[in-house]
Amino acid sequence: MMTPVTVYSDSHVQTEMTFEQIMAIDVHENSVVVYAQTEIPVVCEVEYALNGDGFSNSMIVSHDSVPHTGHIVKIPELLLNTEYEYRYIGEISEEKITSEISSFTTI
């Protein structure tokens, strides 16, 4: 489990930021849609790589430039019947937050 990051909003209220409910929700032969949720709105992206690659040859897919609490990202152009690992990366208050590593296998 990821350690929450403490963030102070404009109202100076202390909040902890983590990615939760991380899952692959729509897996196909050459693409996947992944989902994660945060309690506070944040702009994020998804980093993915072949499983076991350790993100040394990773790719990044951007989500949106508008902060959200529900993060749905489509990862296109994947290989057939291949296992990938991925993680969400968000930035808030000039601090990068990464999710735990999750995985999926294309059909």
PDB file of N, CA and C in Angstrom:
ATOM      1  N   MET A   1       0.835  -1.180   0.000  1.00  0.00           N
ATOM      2  CA  MET A   1       0.000   0.000   0.000  1.00  0.00           C
ATOM      3  C   MET A   1       0.881   1.245   0.000  1.00  0.00           C
ATOM      4  N   MET A   2       0.447   2.235  -0.716  1.00  0.00           N
ATOM      5  CA  MET A   2       1.211   3.464  -0.844  1.00  0.00           C
ATOM      6  C   MET A   2       1.040   4.334   0.393  1.00  0.00           C
ATOM      7  N   THR A   3       2.092   5.035   0.749  1.00  0.00           N
ATOM      8  CA  THR A   3       2.022   5.988   1.846  1.00  0.00           C
ATOM      9  C   THR A   3       1.314   7.236   1.353  1.00  0.00           C
ATOM     10  N   PRO A   4       0.284   7.691   2.066  1.00  0.00           N
ATOM     11  CA  PRO A   4      -0.416   8.896   1.624  1.00  0.00           C
ATOM     12  C   PRO A   4       0.499  10.109   1.679  1.00  0.00           C
ATOM     13  N   VAL A   5       0.260  11.038   0.793  1.00  0.00           N
ATOM     14  CA  VAL A   5       1.002  12.293   0.770  1.00  0.00           C
ATOM     15  C   VAL A   5       0.100  13.359   1.366  1.00  0.00           C
ATOM     16  N   THR A   6       0.595  14.108   2.319  1.00  0.00           N
ATOM     17  CA  THR A   6      -0.190  15.164   2.947  1.00  0.00           C
ATOM     18  C   THR A   6      -0.155  16.403   2.069  1.00  0.00           C
ATOM     19  N   VAL A   7      -1.332  16.929   1.771  1.00  0.00           N
ATOM     20  CA  VAL A   7      -1.477  18.072   0.884  1.00  0.00           C
ATOM     21  C   VAL A   7      -2.291  19.136   1.608  1.00  0.00           C
ATOM     22  N   TYR A   8      -1.952  20.394   1.398  1.00  0.00           N
ATOM     23  CA  TYR A   8      -2.724  21.492   1.967  1.00  0.00           C
ATOM     24  C   TYR A   8      -3.445  22.205   0.835  1.00  0.00           C
ATOM     25  N   SER A   9      -4.755  22.280   0.935  1.00  0.00           N
ATOM     26  CA  SER A   9      -5.542  22.944  -0.101  1.00  0.00           C
ATOM     27  C   SER A   9      -5.542  24.451   0.141  1.00  0.00           C
ATOM     28  N   ASP A  10      -6.271  25.174  -0.709  1.00  0.00           N
ATOM     29  CA  ASP A  10      -6.347  26.628  -0.575  1.00  0.00           C
ATOM     30  C   ASP A  10      -6.915  27.055   0.776  1.00  0.00           C
ATOM     31  N   SER A  11      -7.756  26.219   1.364  1.00  0.00           N
ATOM     32  CA  SER A  11      -8.345  26.558   2.663  1.00  0.00           C
ATOM     33  C   SER A  11      -7.437  26.131   3.808  1.00  0.00           C
ATOM     34  N   HIS A  12      -6.230  25.640   3.488  1.00  0.00           N
ATOM     35  CA  HIS A  12      -5.235  25.213   4.469  1.00  0.00           C
ATOM     36  C   HIS A  12      -5.709  24.035   5.311  1.00  0.00           C
ATOM     37  N   VAL A  13      -6.608  23.245   4.737  1.00  0.00           N
ATOM     38  CA  VAL A  13      -7.073  22.034   5.408  1.00  0.00           C
ATOM     39  C   VAL A  13      -6.166  20.893   4.974  1.00  0.00           C
ATOM     40  N   GLN A  14      -5.694  20.133   5.921  1.00  0.00           N
ATOM     41  CA  GLN A  14      -4.781  19.031   5.625  1.00  0.00           C
ATOM     42  C   GLN A  14      -5.555  17.861   5.014  1.00  0.00           C
ATOM     43  N   THR A  15      -5.064  17.338   3.903  1.00  0.00           N
ATOM     44  CA  THR A  15      -5.691  16.219   3.207  1.00  0.00           C
ATOM     45  C   THR A  15      -4.606  15.228   2.822  1.00  0.00           C
ATOM     46  N   GLU A  16      -4.919  13.952   2.837  1.00  0.00           N
ATOM     47  CA  GLU A  16      -3.975  12.945   2.365  1.00  0.00           C
ATOM     48  C   GLU A  16      -4.381  12.503   0.966  1.00  0.00           C
ATOM     49  N   MET A  17      -3.421  12.418   0.072  1.00  0.00           N
ATOM     50  CA  MET A  17      -3.675  12.098  -1.325  1.00  0.00           C
ATOM     51  C   MET A  17      -3.116  10.725  -1.646  1.00  0.00           C
ATOM     52  N   THR A  18      -3.976   9.811  -2.090  1.00  0.00           N
ATOM     53  CA  THR A  18      -3.548   8.503  -2.582  1.00  0.00           C
ATOM     54  C   THR A  18      -4.422   8.120  -3.764  1.00  0.00           C
ATOM     55  N   PHE A  19      -3.910   7.236  -4.596  1.00  0.00           N
ATOM     56  CA  PHE A  19      -4.705   6.635  -5.659  1.00  0.00           C
ATOM     57  C   PHE A  19      -5.358   5.384  -5.090  1.00  0.00           C
ATOM     58  N   GLU A  20      -6.661   5.233  -5.323  1.00  0.00           N
ATOM     59  CA  GLU A  20      -7.408   4.090  -4.809  1.00  0.00           C
ATOM     60  C   GLU A  20      -8.205   3.444  -5.937  1.00  0.00           C
ATOM     61  N   GLN A  21      -8.722   2.247  -5.673  1.00  0.00           N
ATOM     62  CA  GLN A  21      -9.569   1.504  -6.615  1.00  0.00           C
ATOM     63  C   GLN A  21      -8.922   1.410  -7.998  1.00  0.00           C
ATOM     64  N   ILE A  22      -7.657   1.091  -8.034  1.00  0.00           N
ATOM     65  CA  ILE A  22      -6.920   0.999  -9.296  1.00  0.00           C
ATOM     66  C   ILE A  22      -7.278  -0.316  -9.970  1.00  0.00           C
ATOM     67  N   MET A  23      -7.739  -0.239 -11.228  1.00  0.00           N
ATOM     68  CA  MET A  23      -8.124  -1.466 -11.927  1.00  0.00           C
ATOM     69  C   MET A  23      -8.159  -1.273 -13.436  1.00  0.00           C
ATOM     70  N   ALA A  24      -7.974  -2.387 -14.140  1.00  0.00           N
ATOM     71  CA  ALA A  24      -8.180  -2.421 -15.588  1.00  0.00           C
ATOM     72  C   ALA A  24      -9.653  -2.746 -15.792  1.00  0.00           C
ATOM     73  N   ILE A  25     -10.398  -1.842 -16.436  1.00  0.00           N
ATOM     74  CA  ILE A  25     -11.843  -2.030 -16.541  1.00  0.00           C
ATOM     75  C   ILE A  25     -12.308  -2.467 -17.924  1.00  0.00           C
ATOM     76  N   ASP A  26     -11.470  -2.413 -18.930  1.00  0.00           N
ATOM     77  CA  ASP A  26     -11.886  -2.790 -20.284  1.00  0.00           C
ATOM     78  C   ASP A  26     -10.649  -3.245 -21.061  1.00  0.00           C
ATOM     79  N   VAL A  27     -10.384  -4.552 -21.043  1.00  0.00           N
ATOM     80  CA  VAL A  27      -9.175  -5.104 -21.660  1.00  0.00           C
ATOM     81  C   VAL A  27      -9.517  -5.679 -23.033  1.00  0.00           C
ATOM     82  N   HIS A  28      -8.725  -5.333 -24.035  1.00  0.00           N
ATOM     83  CA  HIS A  28      -8.899  -5.831 -25.398  1.00  0.00           C
ATOM     84  C   HIS A  28      -7.586  -6.432 -25.896  1.00  0.00           C
ATOM     85  N   GLU A  29      -7.559  -6.811 -27.173  1.00  0.00           N
ATOM     86  CA  GLU A  29      -6.355  -7.403 -27.768  1.00  0.00           C
ATOM     87  C   GLU A  29      -5.197  -6.415 -27.812  1.00  0.00           C
ATOM     88  N   ASN A  30      -5.498  -5.157 -28.126  1.00  0.00           N
ATOM     89  CA  ASN A  30      -4.413  -4.185 -28.304  1.00  0.00           C
ATOM     90  C   ASN A  30      -4.624  -2.875 -27.543  1.00  0.00           C
ATOM     91  N   SER A  31      -5.522  -2.884 -26.566  1.00  0.00           N
ATOM     92  CA  SER A  31      -5.732  -1.683 -25.755  1.00  0.00           C
ATOM     93  C   SER A  31      -6.370  -2.062 -24.421  1.00  0.00           C
ATOM     94  N   VAL A  32      -6.327  -1.120 -23.498  1.00  0.00           N
ATOM     95  CA  VAL A  32      -6.953  -1.312 -22.190  1.00  0.00           C
ATOM     96  C   VAL A  32      -7.404   0.051 -21.677  1.00  0.00           C
ATOM     97  N   VAL A  33      -8.447   0.041 -20.887  1.00  0.00           N
ATOM     98  CA  VAL A  33      -8.875   1.233 -20.172  1.00  0.00           C
ATOM     99  C   VAL A  33      -8.640   0.956 -18.694  1.00  0.00           C
ATOM    100  N   VAL A  34      -7.907   1.850 -18.037  1.00  0.00           N
ATOM    101  CA  VAL A  34      -7.618   1.689 -16.611  1.00  0.00           C
ATOM    102  C   VAL A  34      -8.309   2.805 -15.836  1.00  0.00           C
ATOM    103  N   TYR A  35      -8.547   2.527 -14.565  1.00  0.00           N
ATOM    104  CA  TYR A  35      -9.287   3.458 -13.712  1.00  0.00           C
ATOM    105  C   TYR A  35      -8.610   3.582 -12.356  1.00  0.00           C
ATOM    106  N   ALA A  36      -8.644   4.764 -11.803  1.00  0.00           N
ATOM    107  CA  ALA A  36      -8.213   5.003 -10.422  1.00  0.00           C
ATOM    108  C   ALA A  36      -9.015   6.176  -9.883  1.00  0.00           C
ATOM    109  N   GLN A  37      -9.059   6.267  -8.578  1.00  0.00           N
ATOM    110  CA  GLN A  37      -9.811   7.337  -7.934  1.00  0.00           C
ATOM    111  C   GLN A  37      -8.941   8.027  -6.892  1.00  0.00           C
ATOM    112  N   THR A  38      -9.146   9.339  -6.753  1.00  0.00           N
ATOM    113  CA  THR A  38      -8.496  10.116  -5.700  1.00  0.00           C
ATOM    114  C   THR A  38      -9.574  10.893  -4.950  1.00  0.00           C
ATOM    115  N   GLU A  39      -9.319  11.197  -3.693  1.00  0.00           N
ATOM    116  CA  GLU A  39     -10.301  11.950  -2.909  1.00  0.00           C
ATOM    117  C   GLU A  39     -10.324  13.423  -3.279  1.00  0.00           C
ATOM    118  N   ILE A  40      -9.201  13.927  -3.756  1.00  0.00           N
ATOM    119  CA  ILE A  40      -9.144  15.324  -4.169  1.00  0.00           C
ATOM    120  C   ILE A  40      -8.812  15.383  -5.656  1.00  0.00           C
ATOM    121  N   PRO A  41      -9.285  16.401  -6.370  1.00  0.00           N
ATOM    122  CA  PRO A  41      -8.995  16.509  -7.798  1.00  0.00           C
ATOM    123  C   PRO A  41      -7.498  16.665  -8.059  1.00  0.00           C
ATOM    124  N   VAL A  42      -6.998  15.931  -9.038  1.00  0.00           N
ATOM    125  CA  VAL A  42      -5.590  15.979  -9.402  1.00  0.00           C
ATOM    126  C   VAL A  42      -5.459  15.671 -10.895  1.00  0.00           C
ATOM    127  N   VAL A  43      -4.475  16.265 -11.535  1.00  0.00           N
ATOM    128  CA  VAL A  43      -4.128  15.933 -12.919  1.00  0.00           C
ATOM    129  C   VAL A  43      -3.161  14.762 -12.865  1.00  0.00           C
ATOM    130  N   CYS A  44      -3.376  13.757 -13.714  1.00  0.00           N
ATOM    131  CA  CYS A  44      -2.490  12.595 -13.653  1.00  0.00           C
ATOM    132  C   CYS A  44      -2.226  12.023 -15.040  1.00  0.00           C
ATOM    133  N   GLU A  45      -1.315  11.070 -15.073  1.00  0.00           N
ATOM    134  CA  GLU A  45      -0.979  10.318 -16.273  1.00  0.00           C
ATOM    135  C   GLU A  45      -0.706   8.885 -15.844  1.00  0.00           C
ATOM    136  N   VAL A  46      -0.637   7.991 -16.827  1.00  0.00           N
ATOM    137  CA  VAL A  46      -0.356   6.585 -16.546  1.00  0.00           C
ATOM    138  C   VAL A  46       0.954   6.206 -17.223  1.00  0.00           C
ATOM    139  N   GLU A  47       1.838   5.601 -16.457  1.00  0.00           N
ATOM    140  CA  GLU A  47       3.093   5.065 -16.982  1.00  0.00           C
ATOM    141  C   GLU A  47       2.929   3.553 -17.077  1.00  0.00           C
ATOM    142  N   TYR A  48       3.304   2.976 -18.227  1.00  0.00           N
ATOM    143  CA  TYR A  48       3.154   1.526 -18.394  1.00  0.00           C
ATOM    144  C   TYR A  48       4.360   0.942 -19.116  1.00  0.00           C
ATOM    145  N   ALA A  49       4.561  -0.365 -18.908  1.00  0.00           N
ATOM    146  CA  ALA A  49       5.689  -1.076 -19.519  1.00  0.00           C
ATOM    147  C   ALA A  49       5.371  -2.564 -19.530  1.00  0.00           C
ATOM    148  N   LEU A  50       6.168  -3.313 -20.283  1.00  0.00           N
ATOM    149  CA  LEU A  50       6.038  -4.768 -20.242  1.00  0.00           C
ATOM    150  C   LEU A  50       6.315  -5.247 -18.827  1.00  0.00           C
ATOM    151  N   ASN A  51       5.567  -6.235 -18.376  1.00  0.00           N
ATOM    152  CA  ASN A  51       5.755  -6.755 -17.026  1.00  0.00           C
ATOM    153  C   ASN A  51       7.178  -7.286 -16.862  1.00  0.00           C
ATOM    154  N   GLY A  52       7.814  -6.948 -15.757  1.00  0.00           N
ATOM    155  CA  GLY A  52       9.178  -7.384 -15.489  1.00  0.00           C
ATOM    156  C   GLY A  52      10.239  -6.461 -16.043  1.00  0.00           C
ATOM    157  N   ASP A  53       9.825  -5.437 -16.777  1.00  0.00           N
ATOM    158  CA  ASP A  53      10.768  -4.498 -17.387  1.00  0.00           C
ATOM    159  C   ASP A  53      11.218  -3.424 -16.398  1.00  0.00           C
ATOM    160  N   GLY A  54      10.515  -3.317 -15.278  1.00  0.00           N
ATOM    161  CA  GLY A  54      10.896  -2.334 -14.270  1.00  0.00           C
ATOM    162  C   GLY A  54      10.746  -0.892 -14.714  1.00  0.00           C
ATOM    163  N   PHE A  55       9.906  -0.645 -15.682  1.00  0.00           N
ATOM    164  CA  PHE A  55       9.655   0.698 -16.215  1.00  0.00           C
ATOM    165  C   PHE A  55      10.886   1.310 -16.881  1.00  0.00           C
ATOM    166  N   SER A  56      11.892   0.489 -17.215  1.00  0.00           N
ATOM    167  CA  SER A  56      13.080   1.034 -17.876  1.00  0.00           C
ATOM    168  C   SER A  56      12.786   1.455 -19.316  1.00  0.00           C
ATOM    169  N   ASN A  57      11.791   0.844 -19.943  1.00  0.00           N
ATOM    170  CA  ASN A  57      11.374   1.226 -21.299  1.00  0.00           C
ATOM    171  C   ASN A  57       9.900   1.608 -21.289  1.00  0.00           C
ATOM    172  N   SER A  58       9.519   2.434 -20.349  1.00  0.00           N
ATOM    173  CA  SER A  58       8.103   2.742 -20.153  1.00  0.00           C
ATOM    174  C   SER A  58       7.601   3.803 -21.126  1.00  0.00           C
ATOM    175  N   MET A  59       6.284   3.855 -21.231  1.00  0.00           N
ATOM    176  CA  MET A  59       5.587   4.860 -22.025  1.00  0.00           C
ATOM    177  C   MET A  59       4.636   5.592 -21.080  1.00  0.00           C
ATOM    178  N   ILE A  60       4.289   6.828 -21.437  1.00  0.00           N
ATOM    179  CA  ILE A  60       3.379   7.642 -20.625  1.00  0.00           C
ATOM    180  C   ILE A  60       2.158   7.999 -21.465  1.00  0.00           C
ATOM    181  N   VAL A  61       0.973   7.846 -20.871  1.00  0.00           N
ATOM    182  CA  VAL A  61      -0.270   8.281 -21.504  1.00  0.00           C
ATOM    183  C   VAL A  61      -0.879   9.342 -20.597  1.00  0.00           C
ATOM    184  N   SER A  62      -1.160  10.517 -21.157  1.00  0.00           N
ATOM    185  CA  SER A  62      -1.753  11.598 -20.368  1.00  0.00           C
ATOM    186  C   SER A  62      -3.249  11.403 -20.244  1.00  0.00           C
ATOM    187  N   HIS A  63      -3.794  11.905 -19.146  1.00  0.00           N
ATOM    188  CA  HIS A  63      -5.228  11.787 -18.889  1.00  0.00           C
ATOM    189  C   HIS A  63      -5.951  13.027 -19.387  1.00  0.00           C
ATOM    190  N   ASP A  64      -5.733  14.120 -18.744  1.00  0.00           N
ATOM    191  CA  ASP A  64      -6.430  15.361 -19.045  1.00  0.00           C
ATOM    192  C   ASP A  64      -5.688  16.473 -18.316  1.00  0.00           C
ATOM    193  N   SER A  65      -5.816  17.675 -18.791  1.00  0.00           N
ATOM    194  CA  SER A  65      -5.142  18.789 -18.121  1.00  0.00           C
ATOM    195  C   SER A  65      -6.008  19.408 -17.026  1.00  0.00           C
ATOM    196  N   VAL A  66      -7.219  18.875 -16.857  1.00  0.00           N
ATOM    197  CA  VAL A  66      -8.132  19.360 -15.825  1.00  0.00           C
ATOM    198  C   VAL A  66      -8.114  18.391 -14.647  1.00  0.00           C
ATOM    199  N   PRO A  67      -7.969  18.866 -13.422  1.00  0.00           N
ATOM    200  CA  PRO A  67      -7.972  17.961 -12.265  1.00  0.00           C
ATOM    201  C   PRO A  67      -9.305  17.219 -12.119  1.00  0.00           C
ATOM    202  N   HIS A  68      -9.222  15.923 -11.792  1.00  0.00           N
ATOM    203  CA  HIS A  68     -10.395  15.066 -11.592  1.00  0.00           C
ATOM    204  C   HIS A  68     -10.191  14.223 -10.342  1.00  0.00           C
ATOM    205  N   THR A  69     -11.276  13.592  -9.886  1.00  0.00           N
ATOM    206  CA  THR A  69     -11.171  12.586  -8.829  1.00  0.00           C
ATOM    207  C   THR A  69     -11.314  11.181  -9.400  1.00  0.00           C
ATOM    208  N   GLY A  70     -11.965  11.046 -10.557  1.00  0.00           N
ATOM    209  CA  GLY A  70     -12.073   9.764 -11.253  1.00  0.00           C
ATOM    210  C   GLY A  70     -11.185   9.807 -12.477  1.00  0.00           C
ATOM    211  N   HIS A  71     -10.231   8.901 -12.567  1.00  0.00           N
ATOM    212  CA  HIS A  71      -9.212   8.953 -13.617  1.00  0.00           C
ATOM    213  C   HIS A  71      -9.349   7.737 -14.529  1.00  0.00           C
ATOM    214  N   ILE A  72      -9.904   7.946 -15.716  1.00  0.00           N
ATOM    215  CA  ILE A  72     -10.088   6.886 -16.703  1.00  0.00           C
ATOM    216  C   ILE A  72      -9.137   7.175 -17.854  1.00  0.00           C
ATOM    217  N   VAL A  73      -8.231   6.237 -18.125  1.00  0.00           N
ATOM    218  CA  VAL A  73      -7.206   6.438 -19.152  1.00  0.00           C
ATOM    219  C   VAL A  73      -7.189   5.244 -20.093  1.00  0.00           C
ATOM    220  N   LYS A  74      -7.238   5.504 -21.401  1.00  0.00           N
ATOM    221  CA  LYS A  74      -7.116   4.439 -22.404  1.00  0.00           C
ATOM    222  C   LYS A  74      -5.660   4.340 -22.834  1.00  0.00           C
ATOM    223  N   ILE A  75      -5.137   3.121 -22.798  1.00  0.00           N
ATOM    224  CA  ILE A  75      -3.772   2.851 -23.260  1.00  0.00           C
ATOM    225  C   ILE A  75      -3.897   2.093 -24.578  1.00  0.00           C
ATOM    226  N   PRO A  76      -3.534   2.712 -25.699  1.00  0.00           N
ATOM    227  CA  PRO A  76      -3.681   2.079 -27.014  1.00  0.00           C
ATOM    228  C   PRO A  76      -2.399   1.382 -27.481  1.00  0.00           C
ATOM    229  N   GLU A  77      -2.495   0.727 -28.618  1.00  0.00           N
ATOM    230  CA  GLU A  77      -1.351   0.160 -29.344  1.00  0.00           C
ATOM    231  C   GLU A  77      -0.528  -0.814 -28.509  1.00  0.00           C
ATOM    232  N   LEU A  78      -1.203  -1.750 -27.849  1.00  0.00           N
ATOM    233  CA  LEU A  78      -0.530  -2.766 -27.046  1.00  0.00           C
ATOM    234  C   LEU A  78      -0.367  -4.050 -27.849  1.00  0.00           C
ATOM    235  N   LEU A  79       0.493  -4.935 -27.366  1.00  0.00           N
ATOM    236  CA  LEU A  79       0.717  -6.223 -28.015  1.00  0.00           C
ATOM    237  C   LEU A  79      -0.329  -7.236 -27.567  1.00  0.00           C
ATOM    238  N   LEU A  80      -0.687  -8.127 -28.451  1.00  0.00           N
ATOM    239  CA  LEU A  80      -1.662  -9.184 -28.193  1.00  0.00           C
ATOM    240  C   LEU A  80      -1.153 -10.151 -27.126  1.00  0.00           C
ATOM    241  N   ASN A  81      -2.023 -10.559 -26.204  1.00  0.00           N
ATOM    242  CA  ASN A  81      -1.723 -11.584 -25.195  1.00  0.00           C
ATOM    243  C   ASN A  81      -0.404 -11.304 -24.455  1.00  0.00           C
ATOM    244  N   THR A  82      -0.271 -10.085 -23.953  1.00  0.00           N
ATOM    245  CA  THR A  82       0.966  -9.649 -23.303  1.00  0.00           C
ATOM    246  C   THR A  82       0.642  -9.042 -21.941  1.00  0.00           C
ATOM    247  N   GLU A  83       1.487  -9.338 -20.949  1.00  0.00           N
ATOM    248  CA  GLU A  83       1.280  -8.787 -19.613  1.00  0.00           C
ATOM    249  C   GLU A  83       2.045  -7.469 -19.467  1.00  0.00           C
ATOM    250  N   TYR A  84       1.344  -6.469 -18.961  1.00  0.00           N
ATOM    251  CA  TYR A  84       1.904  -5.139 -18.725  1.00  0.00           C
ATOM    252  C   TYR A  84       1.742  -4.774 -17.258  1.00  0.00           C
ATOM    253  N   GLU A  85       2.589  -3.868 -16.796  1.00  0.00           N
ATOM    254  CA  GLU A  85       2.402  -3.271 -15.483  1.00  0.00           C
ATOM    255  C   GLU A  85       2.242  -1.769 -15.684  1.00  0.00           C
ATOM    256  N   TYR A  86       1.520  -1.154 -14.761  1.00  0.00           N
ATOM    257  CA  TYR A  86       1.261   0.278 -14.897  1.00  0.00           C
ATOM    258  C   TYR A  86       1.108   0.917 -13.526  1.00  0.00           C
ATOM    259  N   ARG A  87       1.252   2.241 -13.526  1.00  0.00           N
ATOM    260  CA  ARG A  87       1.025   3.012 -12.306  1.00  0.00           C
ATOM    261  C   ARG A  87       0.562   4.411 -12.696  1.00  0.00           C
ATOM    262  N   TYR A  88      -0.225   4.985 -11.834  1.00  0.00           N
ATOM    263  CA  TYR A  88      -0.673   6.361 -12.012  1.00  0.00           C
ATOM    264  C   TYR A  88       0.368   7.300 -11.415  1.00  0.00           C
ATOM    265  N   ILE A  89       0.545   8.445 -12.058  1.00  0.00           N
ATOM    266  CA  ILE A  89       1.435   9.491 -11.559  1.00  0.00           C
ATOM    267  C   ILE A  89       0.637  10.787 -11.536  1.00  0.00           C
ATOM    268  N   GLY A  90       0.581  11.409 -10.385  1.00  0.00           N
ATOM    269  CA  GLY A  90      -0.111  12.681 -10.250  1.00  0.00           C
ATOM    270  C   GLY A  90       0.815  13.714  -9.657  1.00  0.00           C
ATOM    271  N   GLU A  91       0.464  14.961  -9.840  1.00  0.00           N
ATOM    272  CA  GLU A  91       1.255  16.032  -9.239  1.00  0.00           C
ATOM    273  C   GLU A  91       0.304  17.010  -8.575  1.00  0.00           C
ATOM    274  N   ILE A  92       0.597  17.301  -7.333  1.00  0.00           N
ATOM    275  CA  ILE A  92      -0.214  18.256  -6.585  1.00  0.00           C
ATOM    276  C   ILE A  92       0.710  18.987  -5.616  1.00  0.00           C
ATOM    277  N   SER A  93       0.508  20.262  -5.500  1.00  0.00           N
ATOM    278  CA  SER A  93       1.368  21.105  -4.652  1.00  0.00           C
ATOM    279  C   SER A  93       2.840  20.882  -4.978  1.00  0.00           C
ATOM    280  N   GLU A  94       3.138  20.765  -6.272  1.00  0.00           N
ATOM    281  CA  GLU A  94       4.499  20.582  -6.782  1.00  0.00           C
ATOM    282  C   GLU A  94       5.171  19.311  -6.276  1.00  0.00           C
ATOM    283  N   GLU A  95       4.393  18.327  -5.864  1.00  0.00           N
ATOM    284  CA  GLU A  95       4.941  17.050  -5.417  1.00  0.00           C
ATOM    285  C   GLU A  95       4.350  15.926  -6.265  1.00  0.00           C
ATOM    286  N   LYS A  96       5.225  15.039  -6.772  1.00  0.00           N
ATOM    287  CA  LYS A  96       4.763  13.896  -7.568  1.00  0.00           C
ATOM    288  C   LYS A  96       4.320  12.771  -6.651  1.00  0.00           C
ATOM    289  N   ILE A  97       3.185  12.178  -7.003  1.00  0.00           N
ATOM    290  CA  ILE A  97       2.631  11.060  -6.254  1.00  0.00           C
ATOM    291  C   ILE A  97       2.462   9.911  -7.233  1.00  0.00           C
ATOM    292  N   THR A  98       2.959   8.728  -6.890  1.00  0.00           N
ATOM    293  CA  THR A  98       2.764   7.562  -7.746  1.00  0.00           C
ATOM    294  C   THR A  98       1.924   6.533  -7.011  1.00  0.00           C
ATOM    295  N   SER A  99       1.121   5.823  -7.780  1.00  0.00           N
ATOM    296  CA  SER A  99       0.294   4.762  -7.209  1.00  0.00           C
ATOM    297  C   SER A  99       1.120   3.498  -7.049  1.00  0.00           C
ATOM    298  N   GLU A 100       0.520   2.513  -6.409  1.00  0.00           N
ATOM    299  CA  GLU A 100       1.135   1.193  -6.388  1.00  0.00           C
ATOM    300  C   GLU A 100       1.131   0.658  -7.822  1.00  0.00           C
ATOM    301  N   ILE A 101       1.971  -0.311  -8.097  1.00  0.00           N
ATOM    302  CA  ILE A 101       2.054  -0.902  -9.433  1.00  0.00           C
ATOM    303  C   ILE A 101       0.969  -1.957  -9.573  1.00  0.00           C
ATOM    304  N   SER A 102       0.231  -1.880 -10.666  1.00  0.00           N
ATOM    305  CA  SER A 102      -0.806  -2.855 -10.994  1.00  0.00           C
ATOM    306  C   SER A 102      -0.452  -3.489 -12.328  1.00  0.00           C
ATOM    307  N   SER A 103      -1.185  -4.535 -12.708  1.00  0.00           N
ATOM    308  CA  SER A 103      -0.884  -5.194 -13.981  1.00  0.00           C
ATOM    309  C   SER A 103      -2.163  -5.652 -14.672  1.00  0.00           C
ATOM    310  N   PHE A 104      -2.041  -5.921 -15.967  1.00  0.00           N
ATOM    311  CA  PHE A 104      -3.119  -6.482 -16.776  1.00  0.00           C
ATOM    312  C   PHE A 104      -2.482  -7.277 -17.904  1.00  0.00           C
ATOM    313  N   THR A 105      -3.257  -8.159 -18.509  1.00  0.00           N
ATOM    314  CA  THR A 105      -2.806  -8.930 -19.666  1.00  0.00           C
ATOM    315  C   THR A 105      -3.797  -8.714 -20.796  1.00  0.00           C
ATOM    316  N   THR A 106      -3.303  -8.309 -21.964  1.00  0.00           N
ATOM    317  CA  THR A 106      -4.186  -8.142 -23.111  1.00  0.00           C
ATOM    318  C   THR A 106      -4.690  -9.508 -23.561  1.00  0.00           C
ATOM    319  N   ILE A 107      -5.803  -9.504 -24.264  1.00  0.00           N
ATOM    320  CA  ILE A 107      -6.451 -10.751 -24.694  1.00  0.00           C
ATOM    321  C   ILE A 107      -5.747 -11.321 -25.914  1.00  0.00           C
TER     322      ILE A 107
END
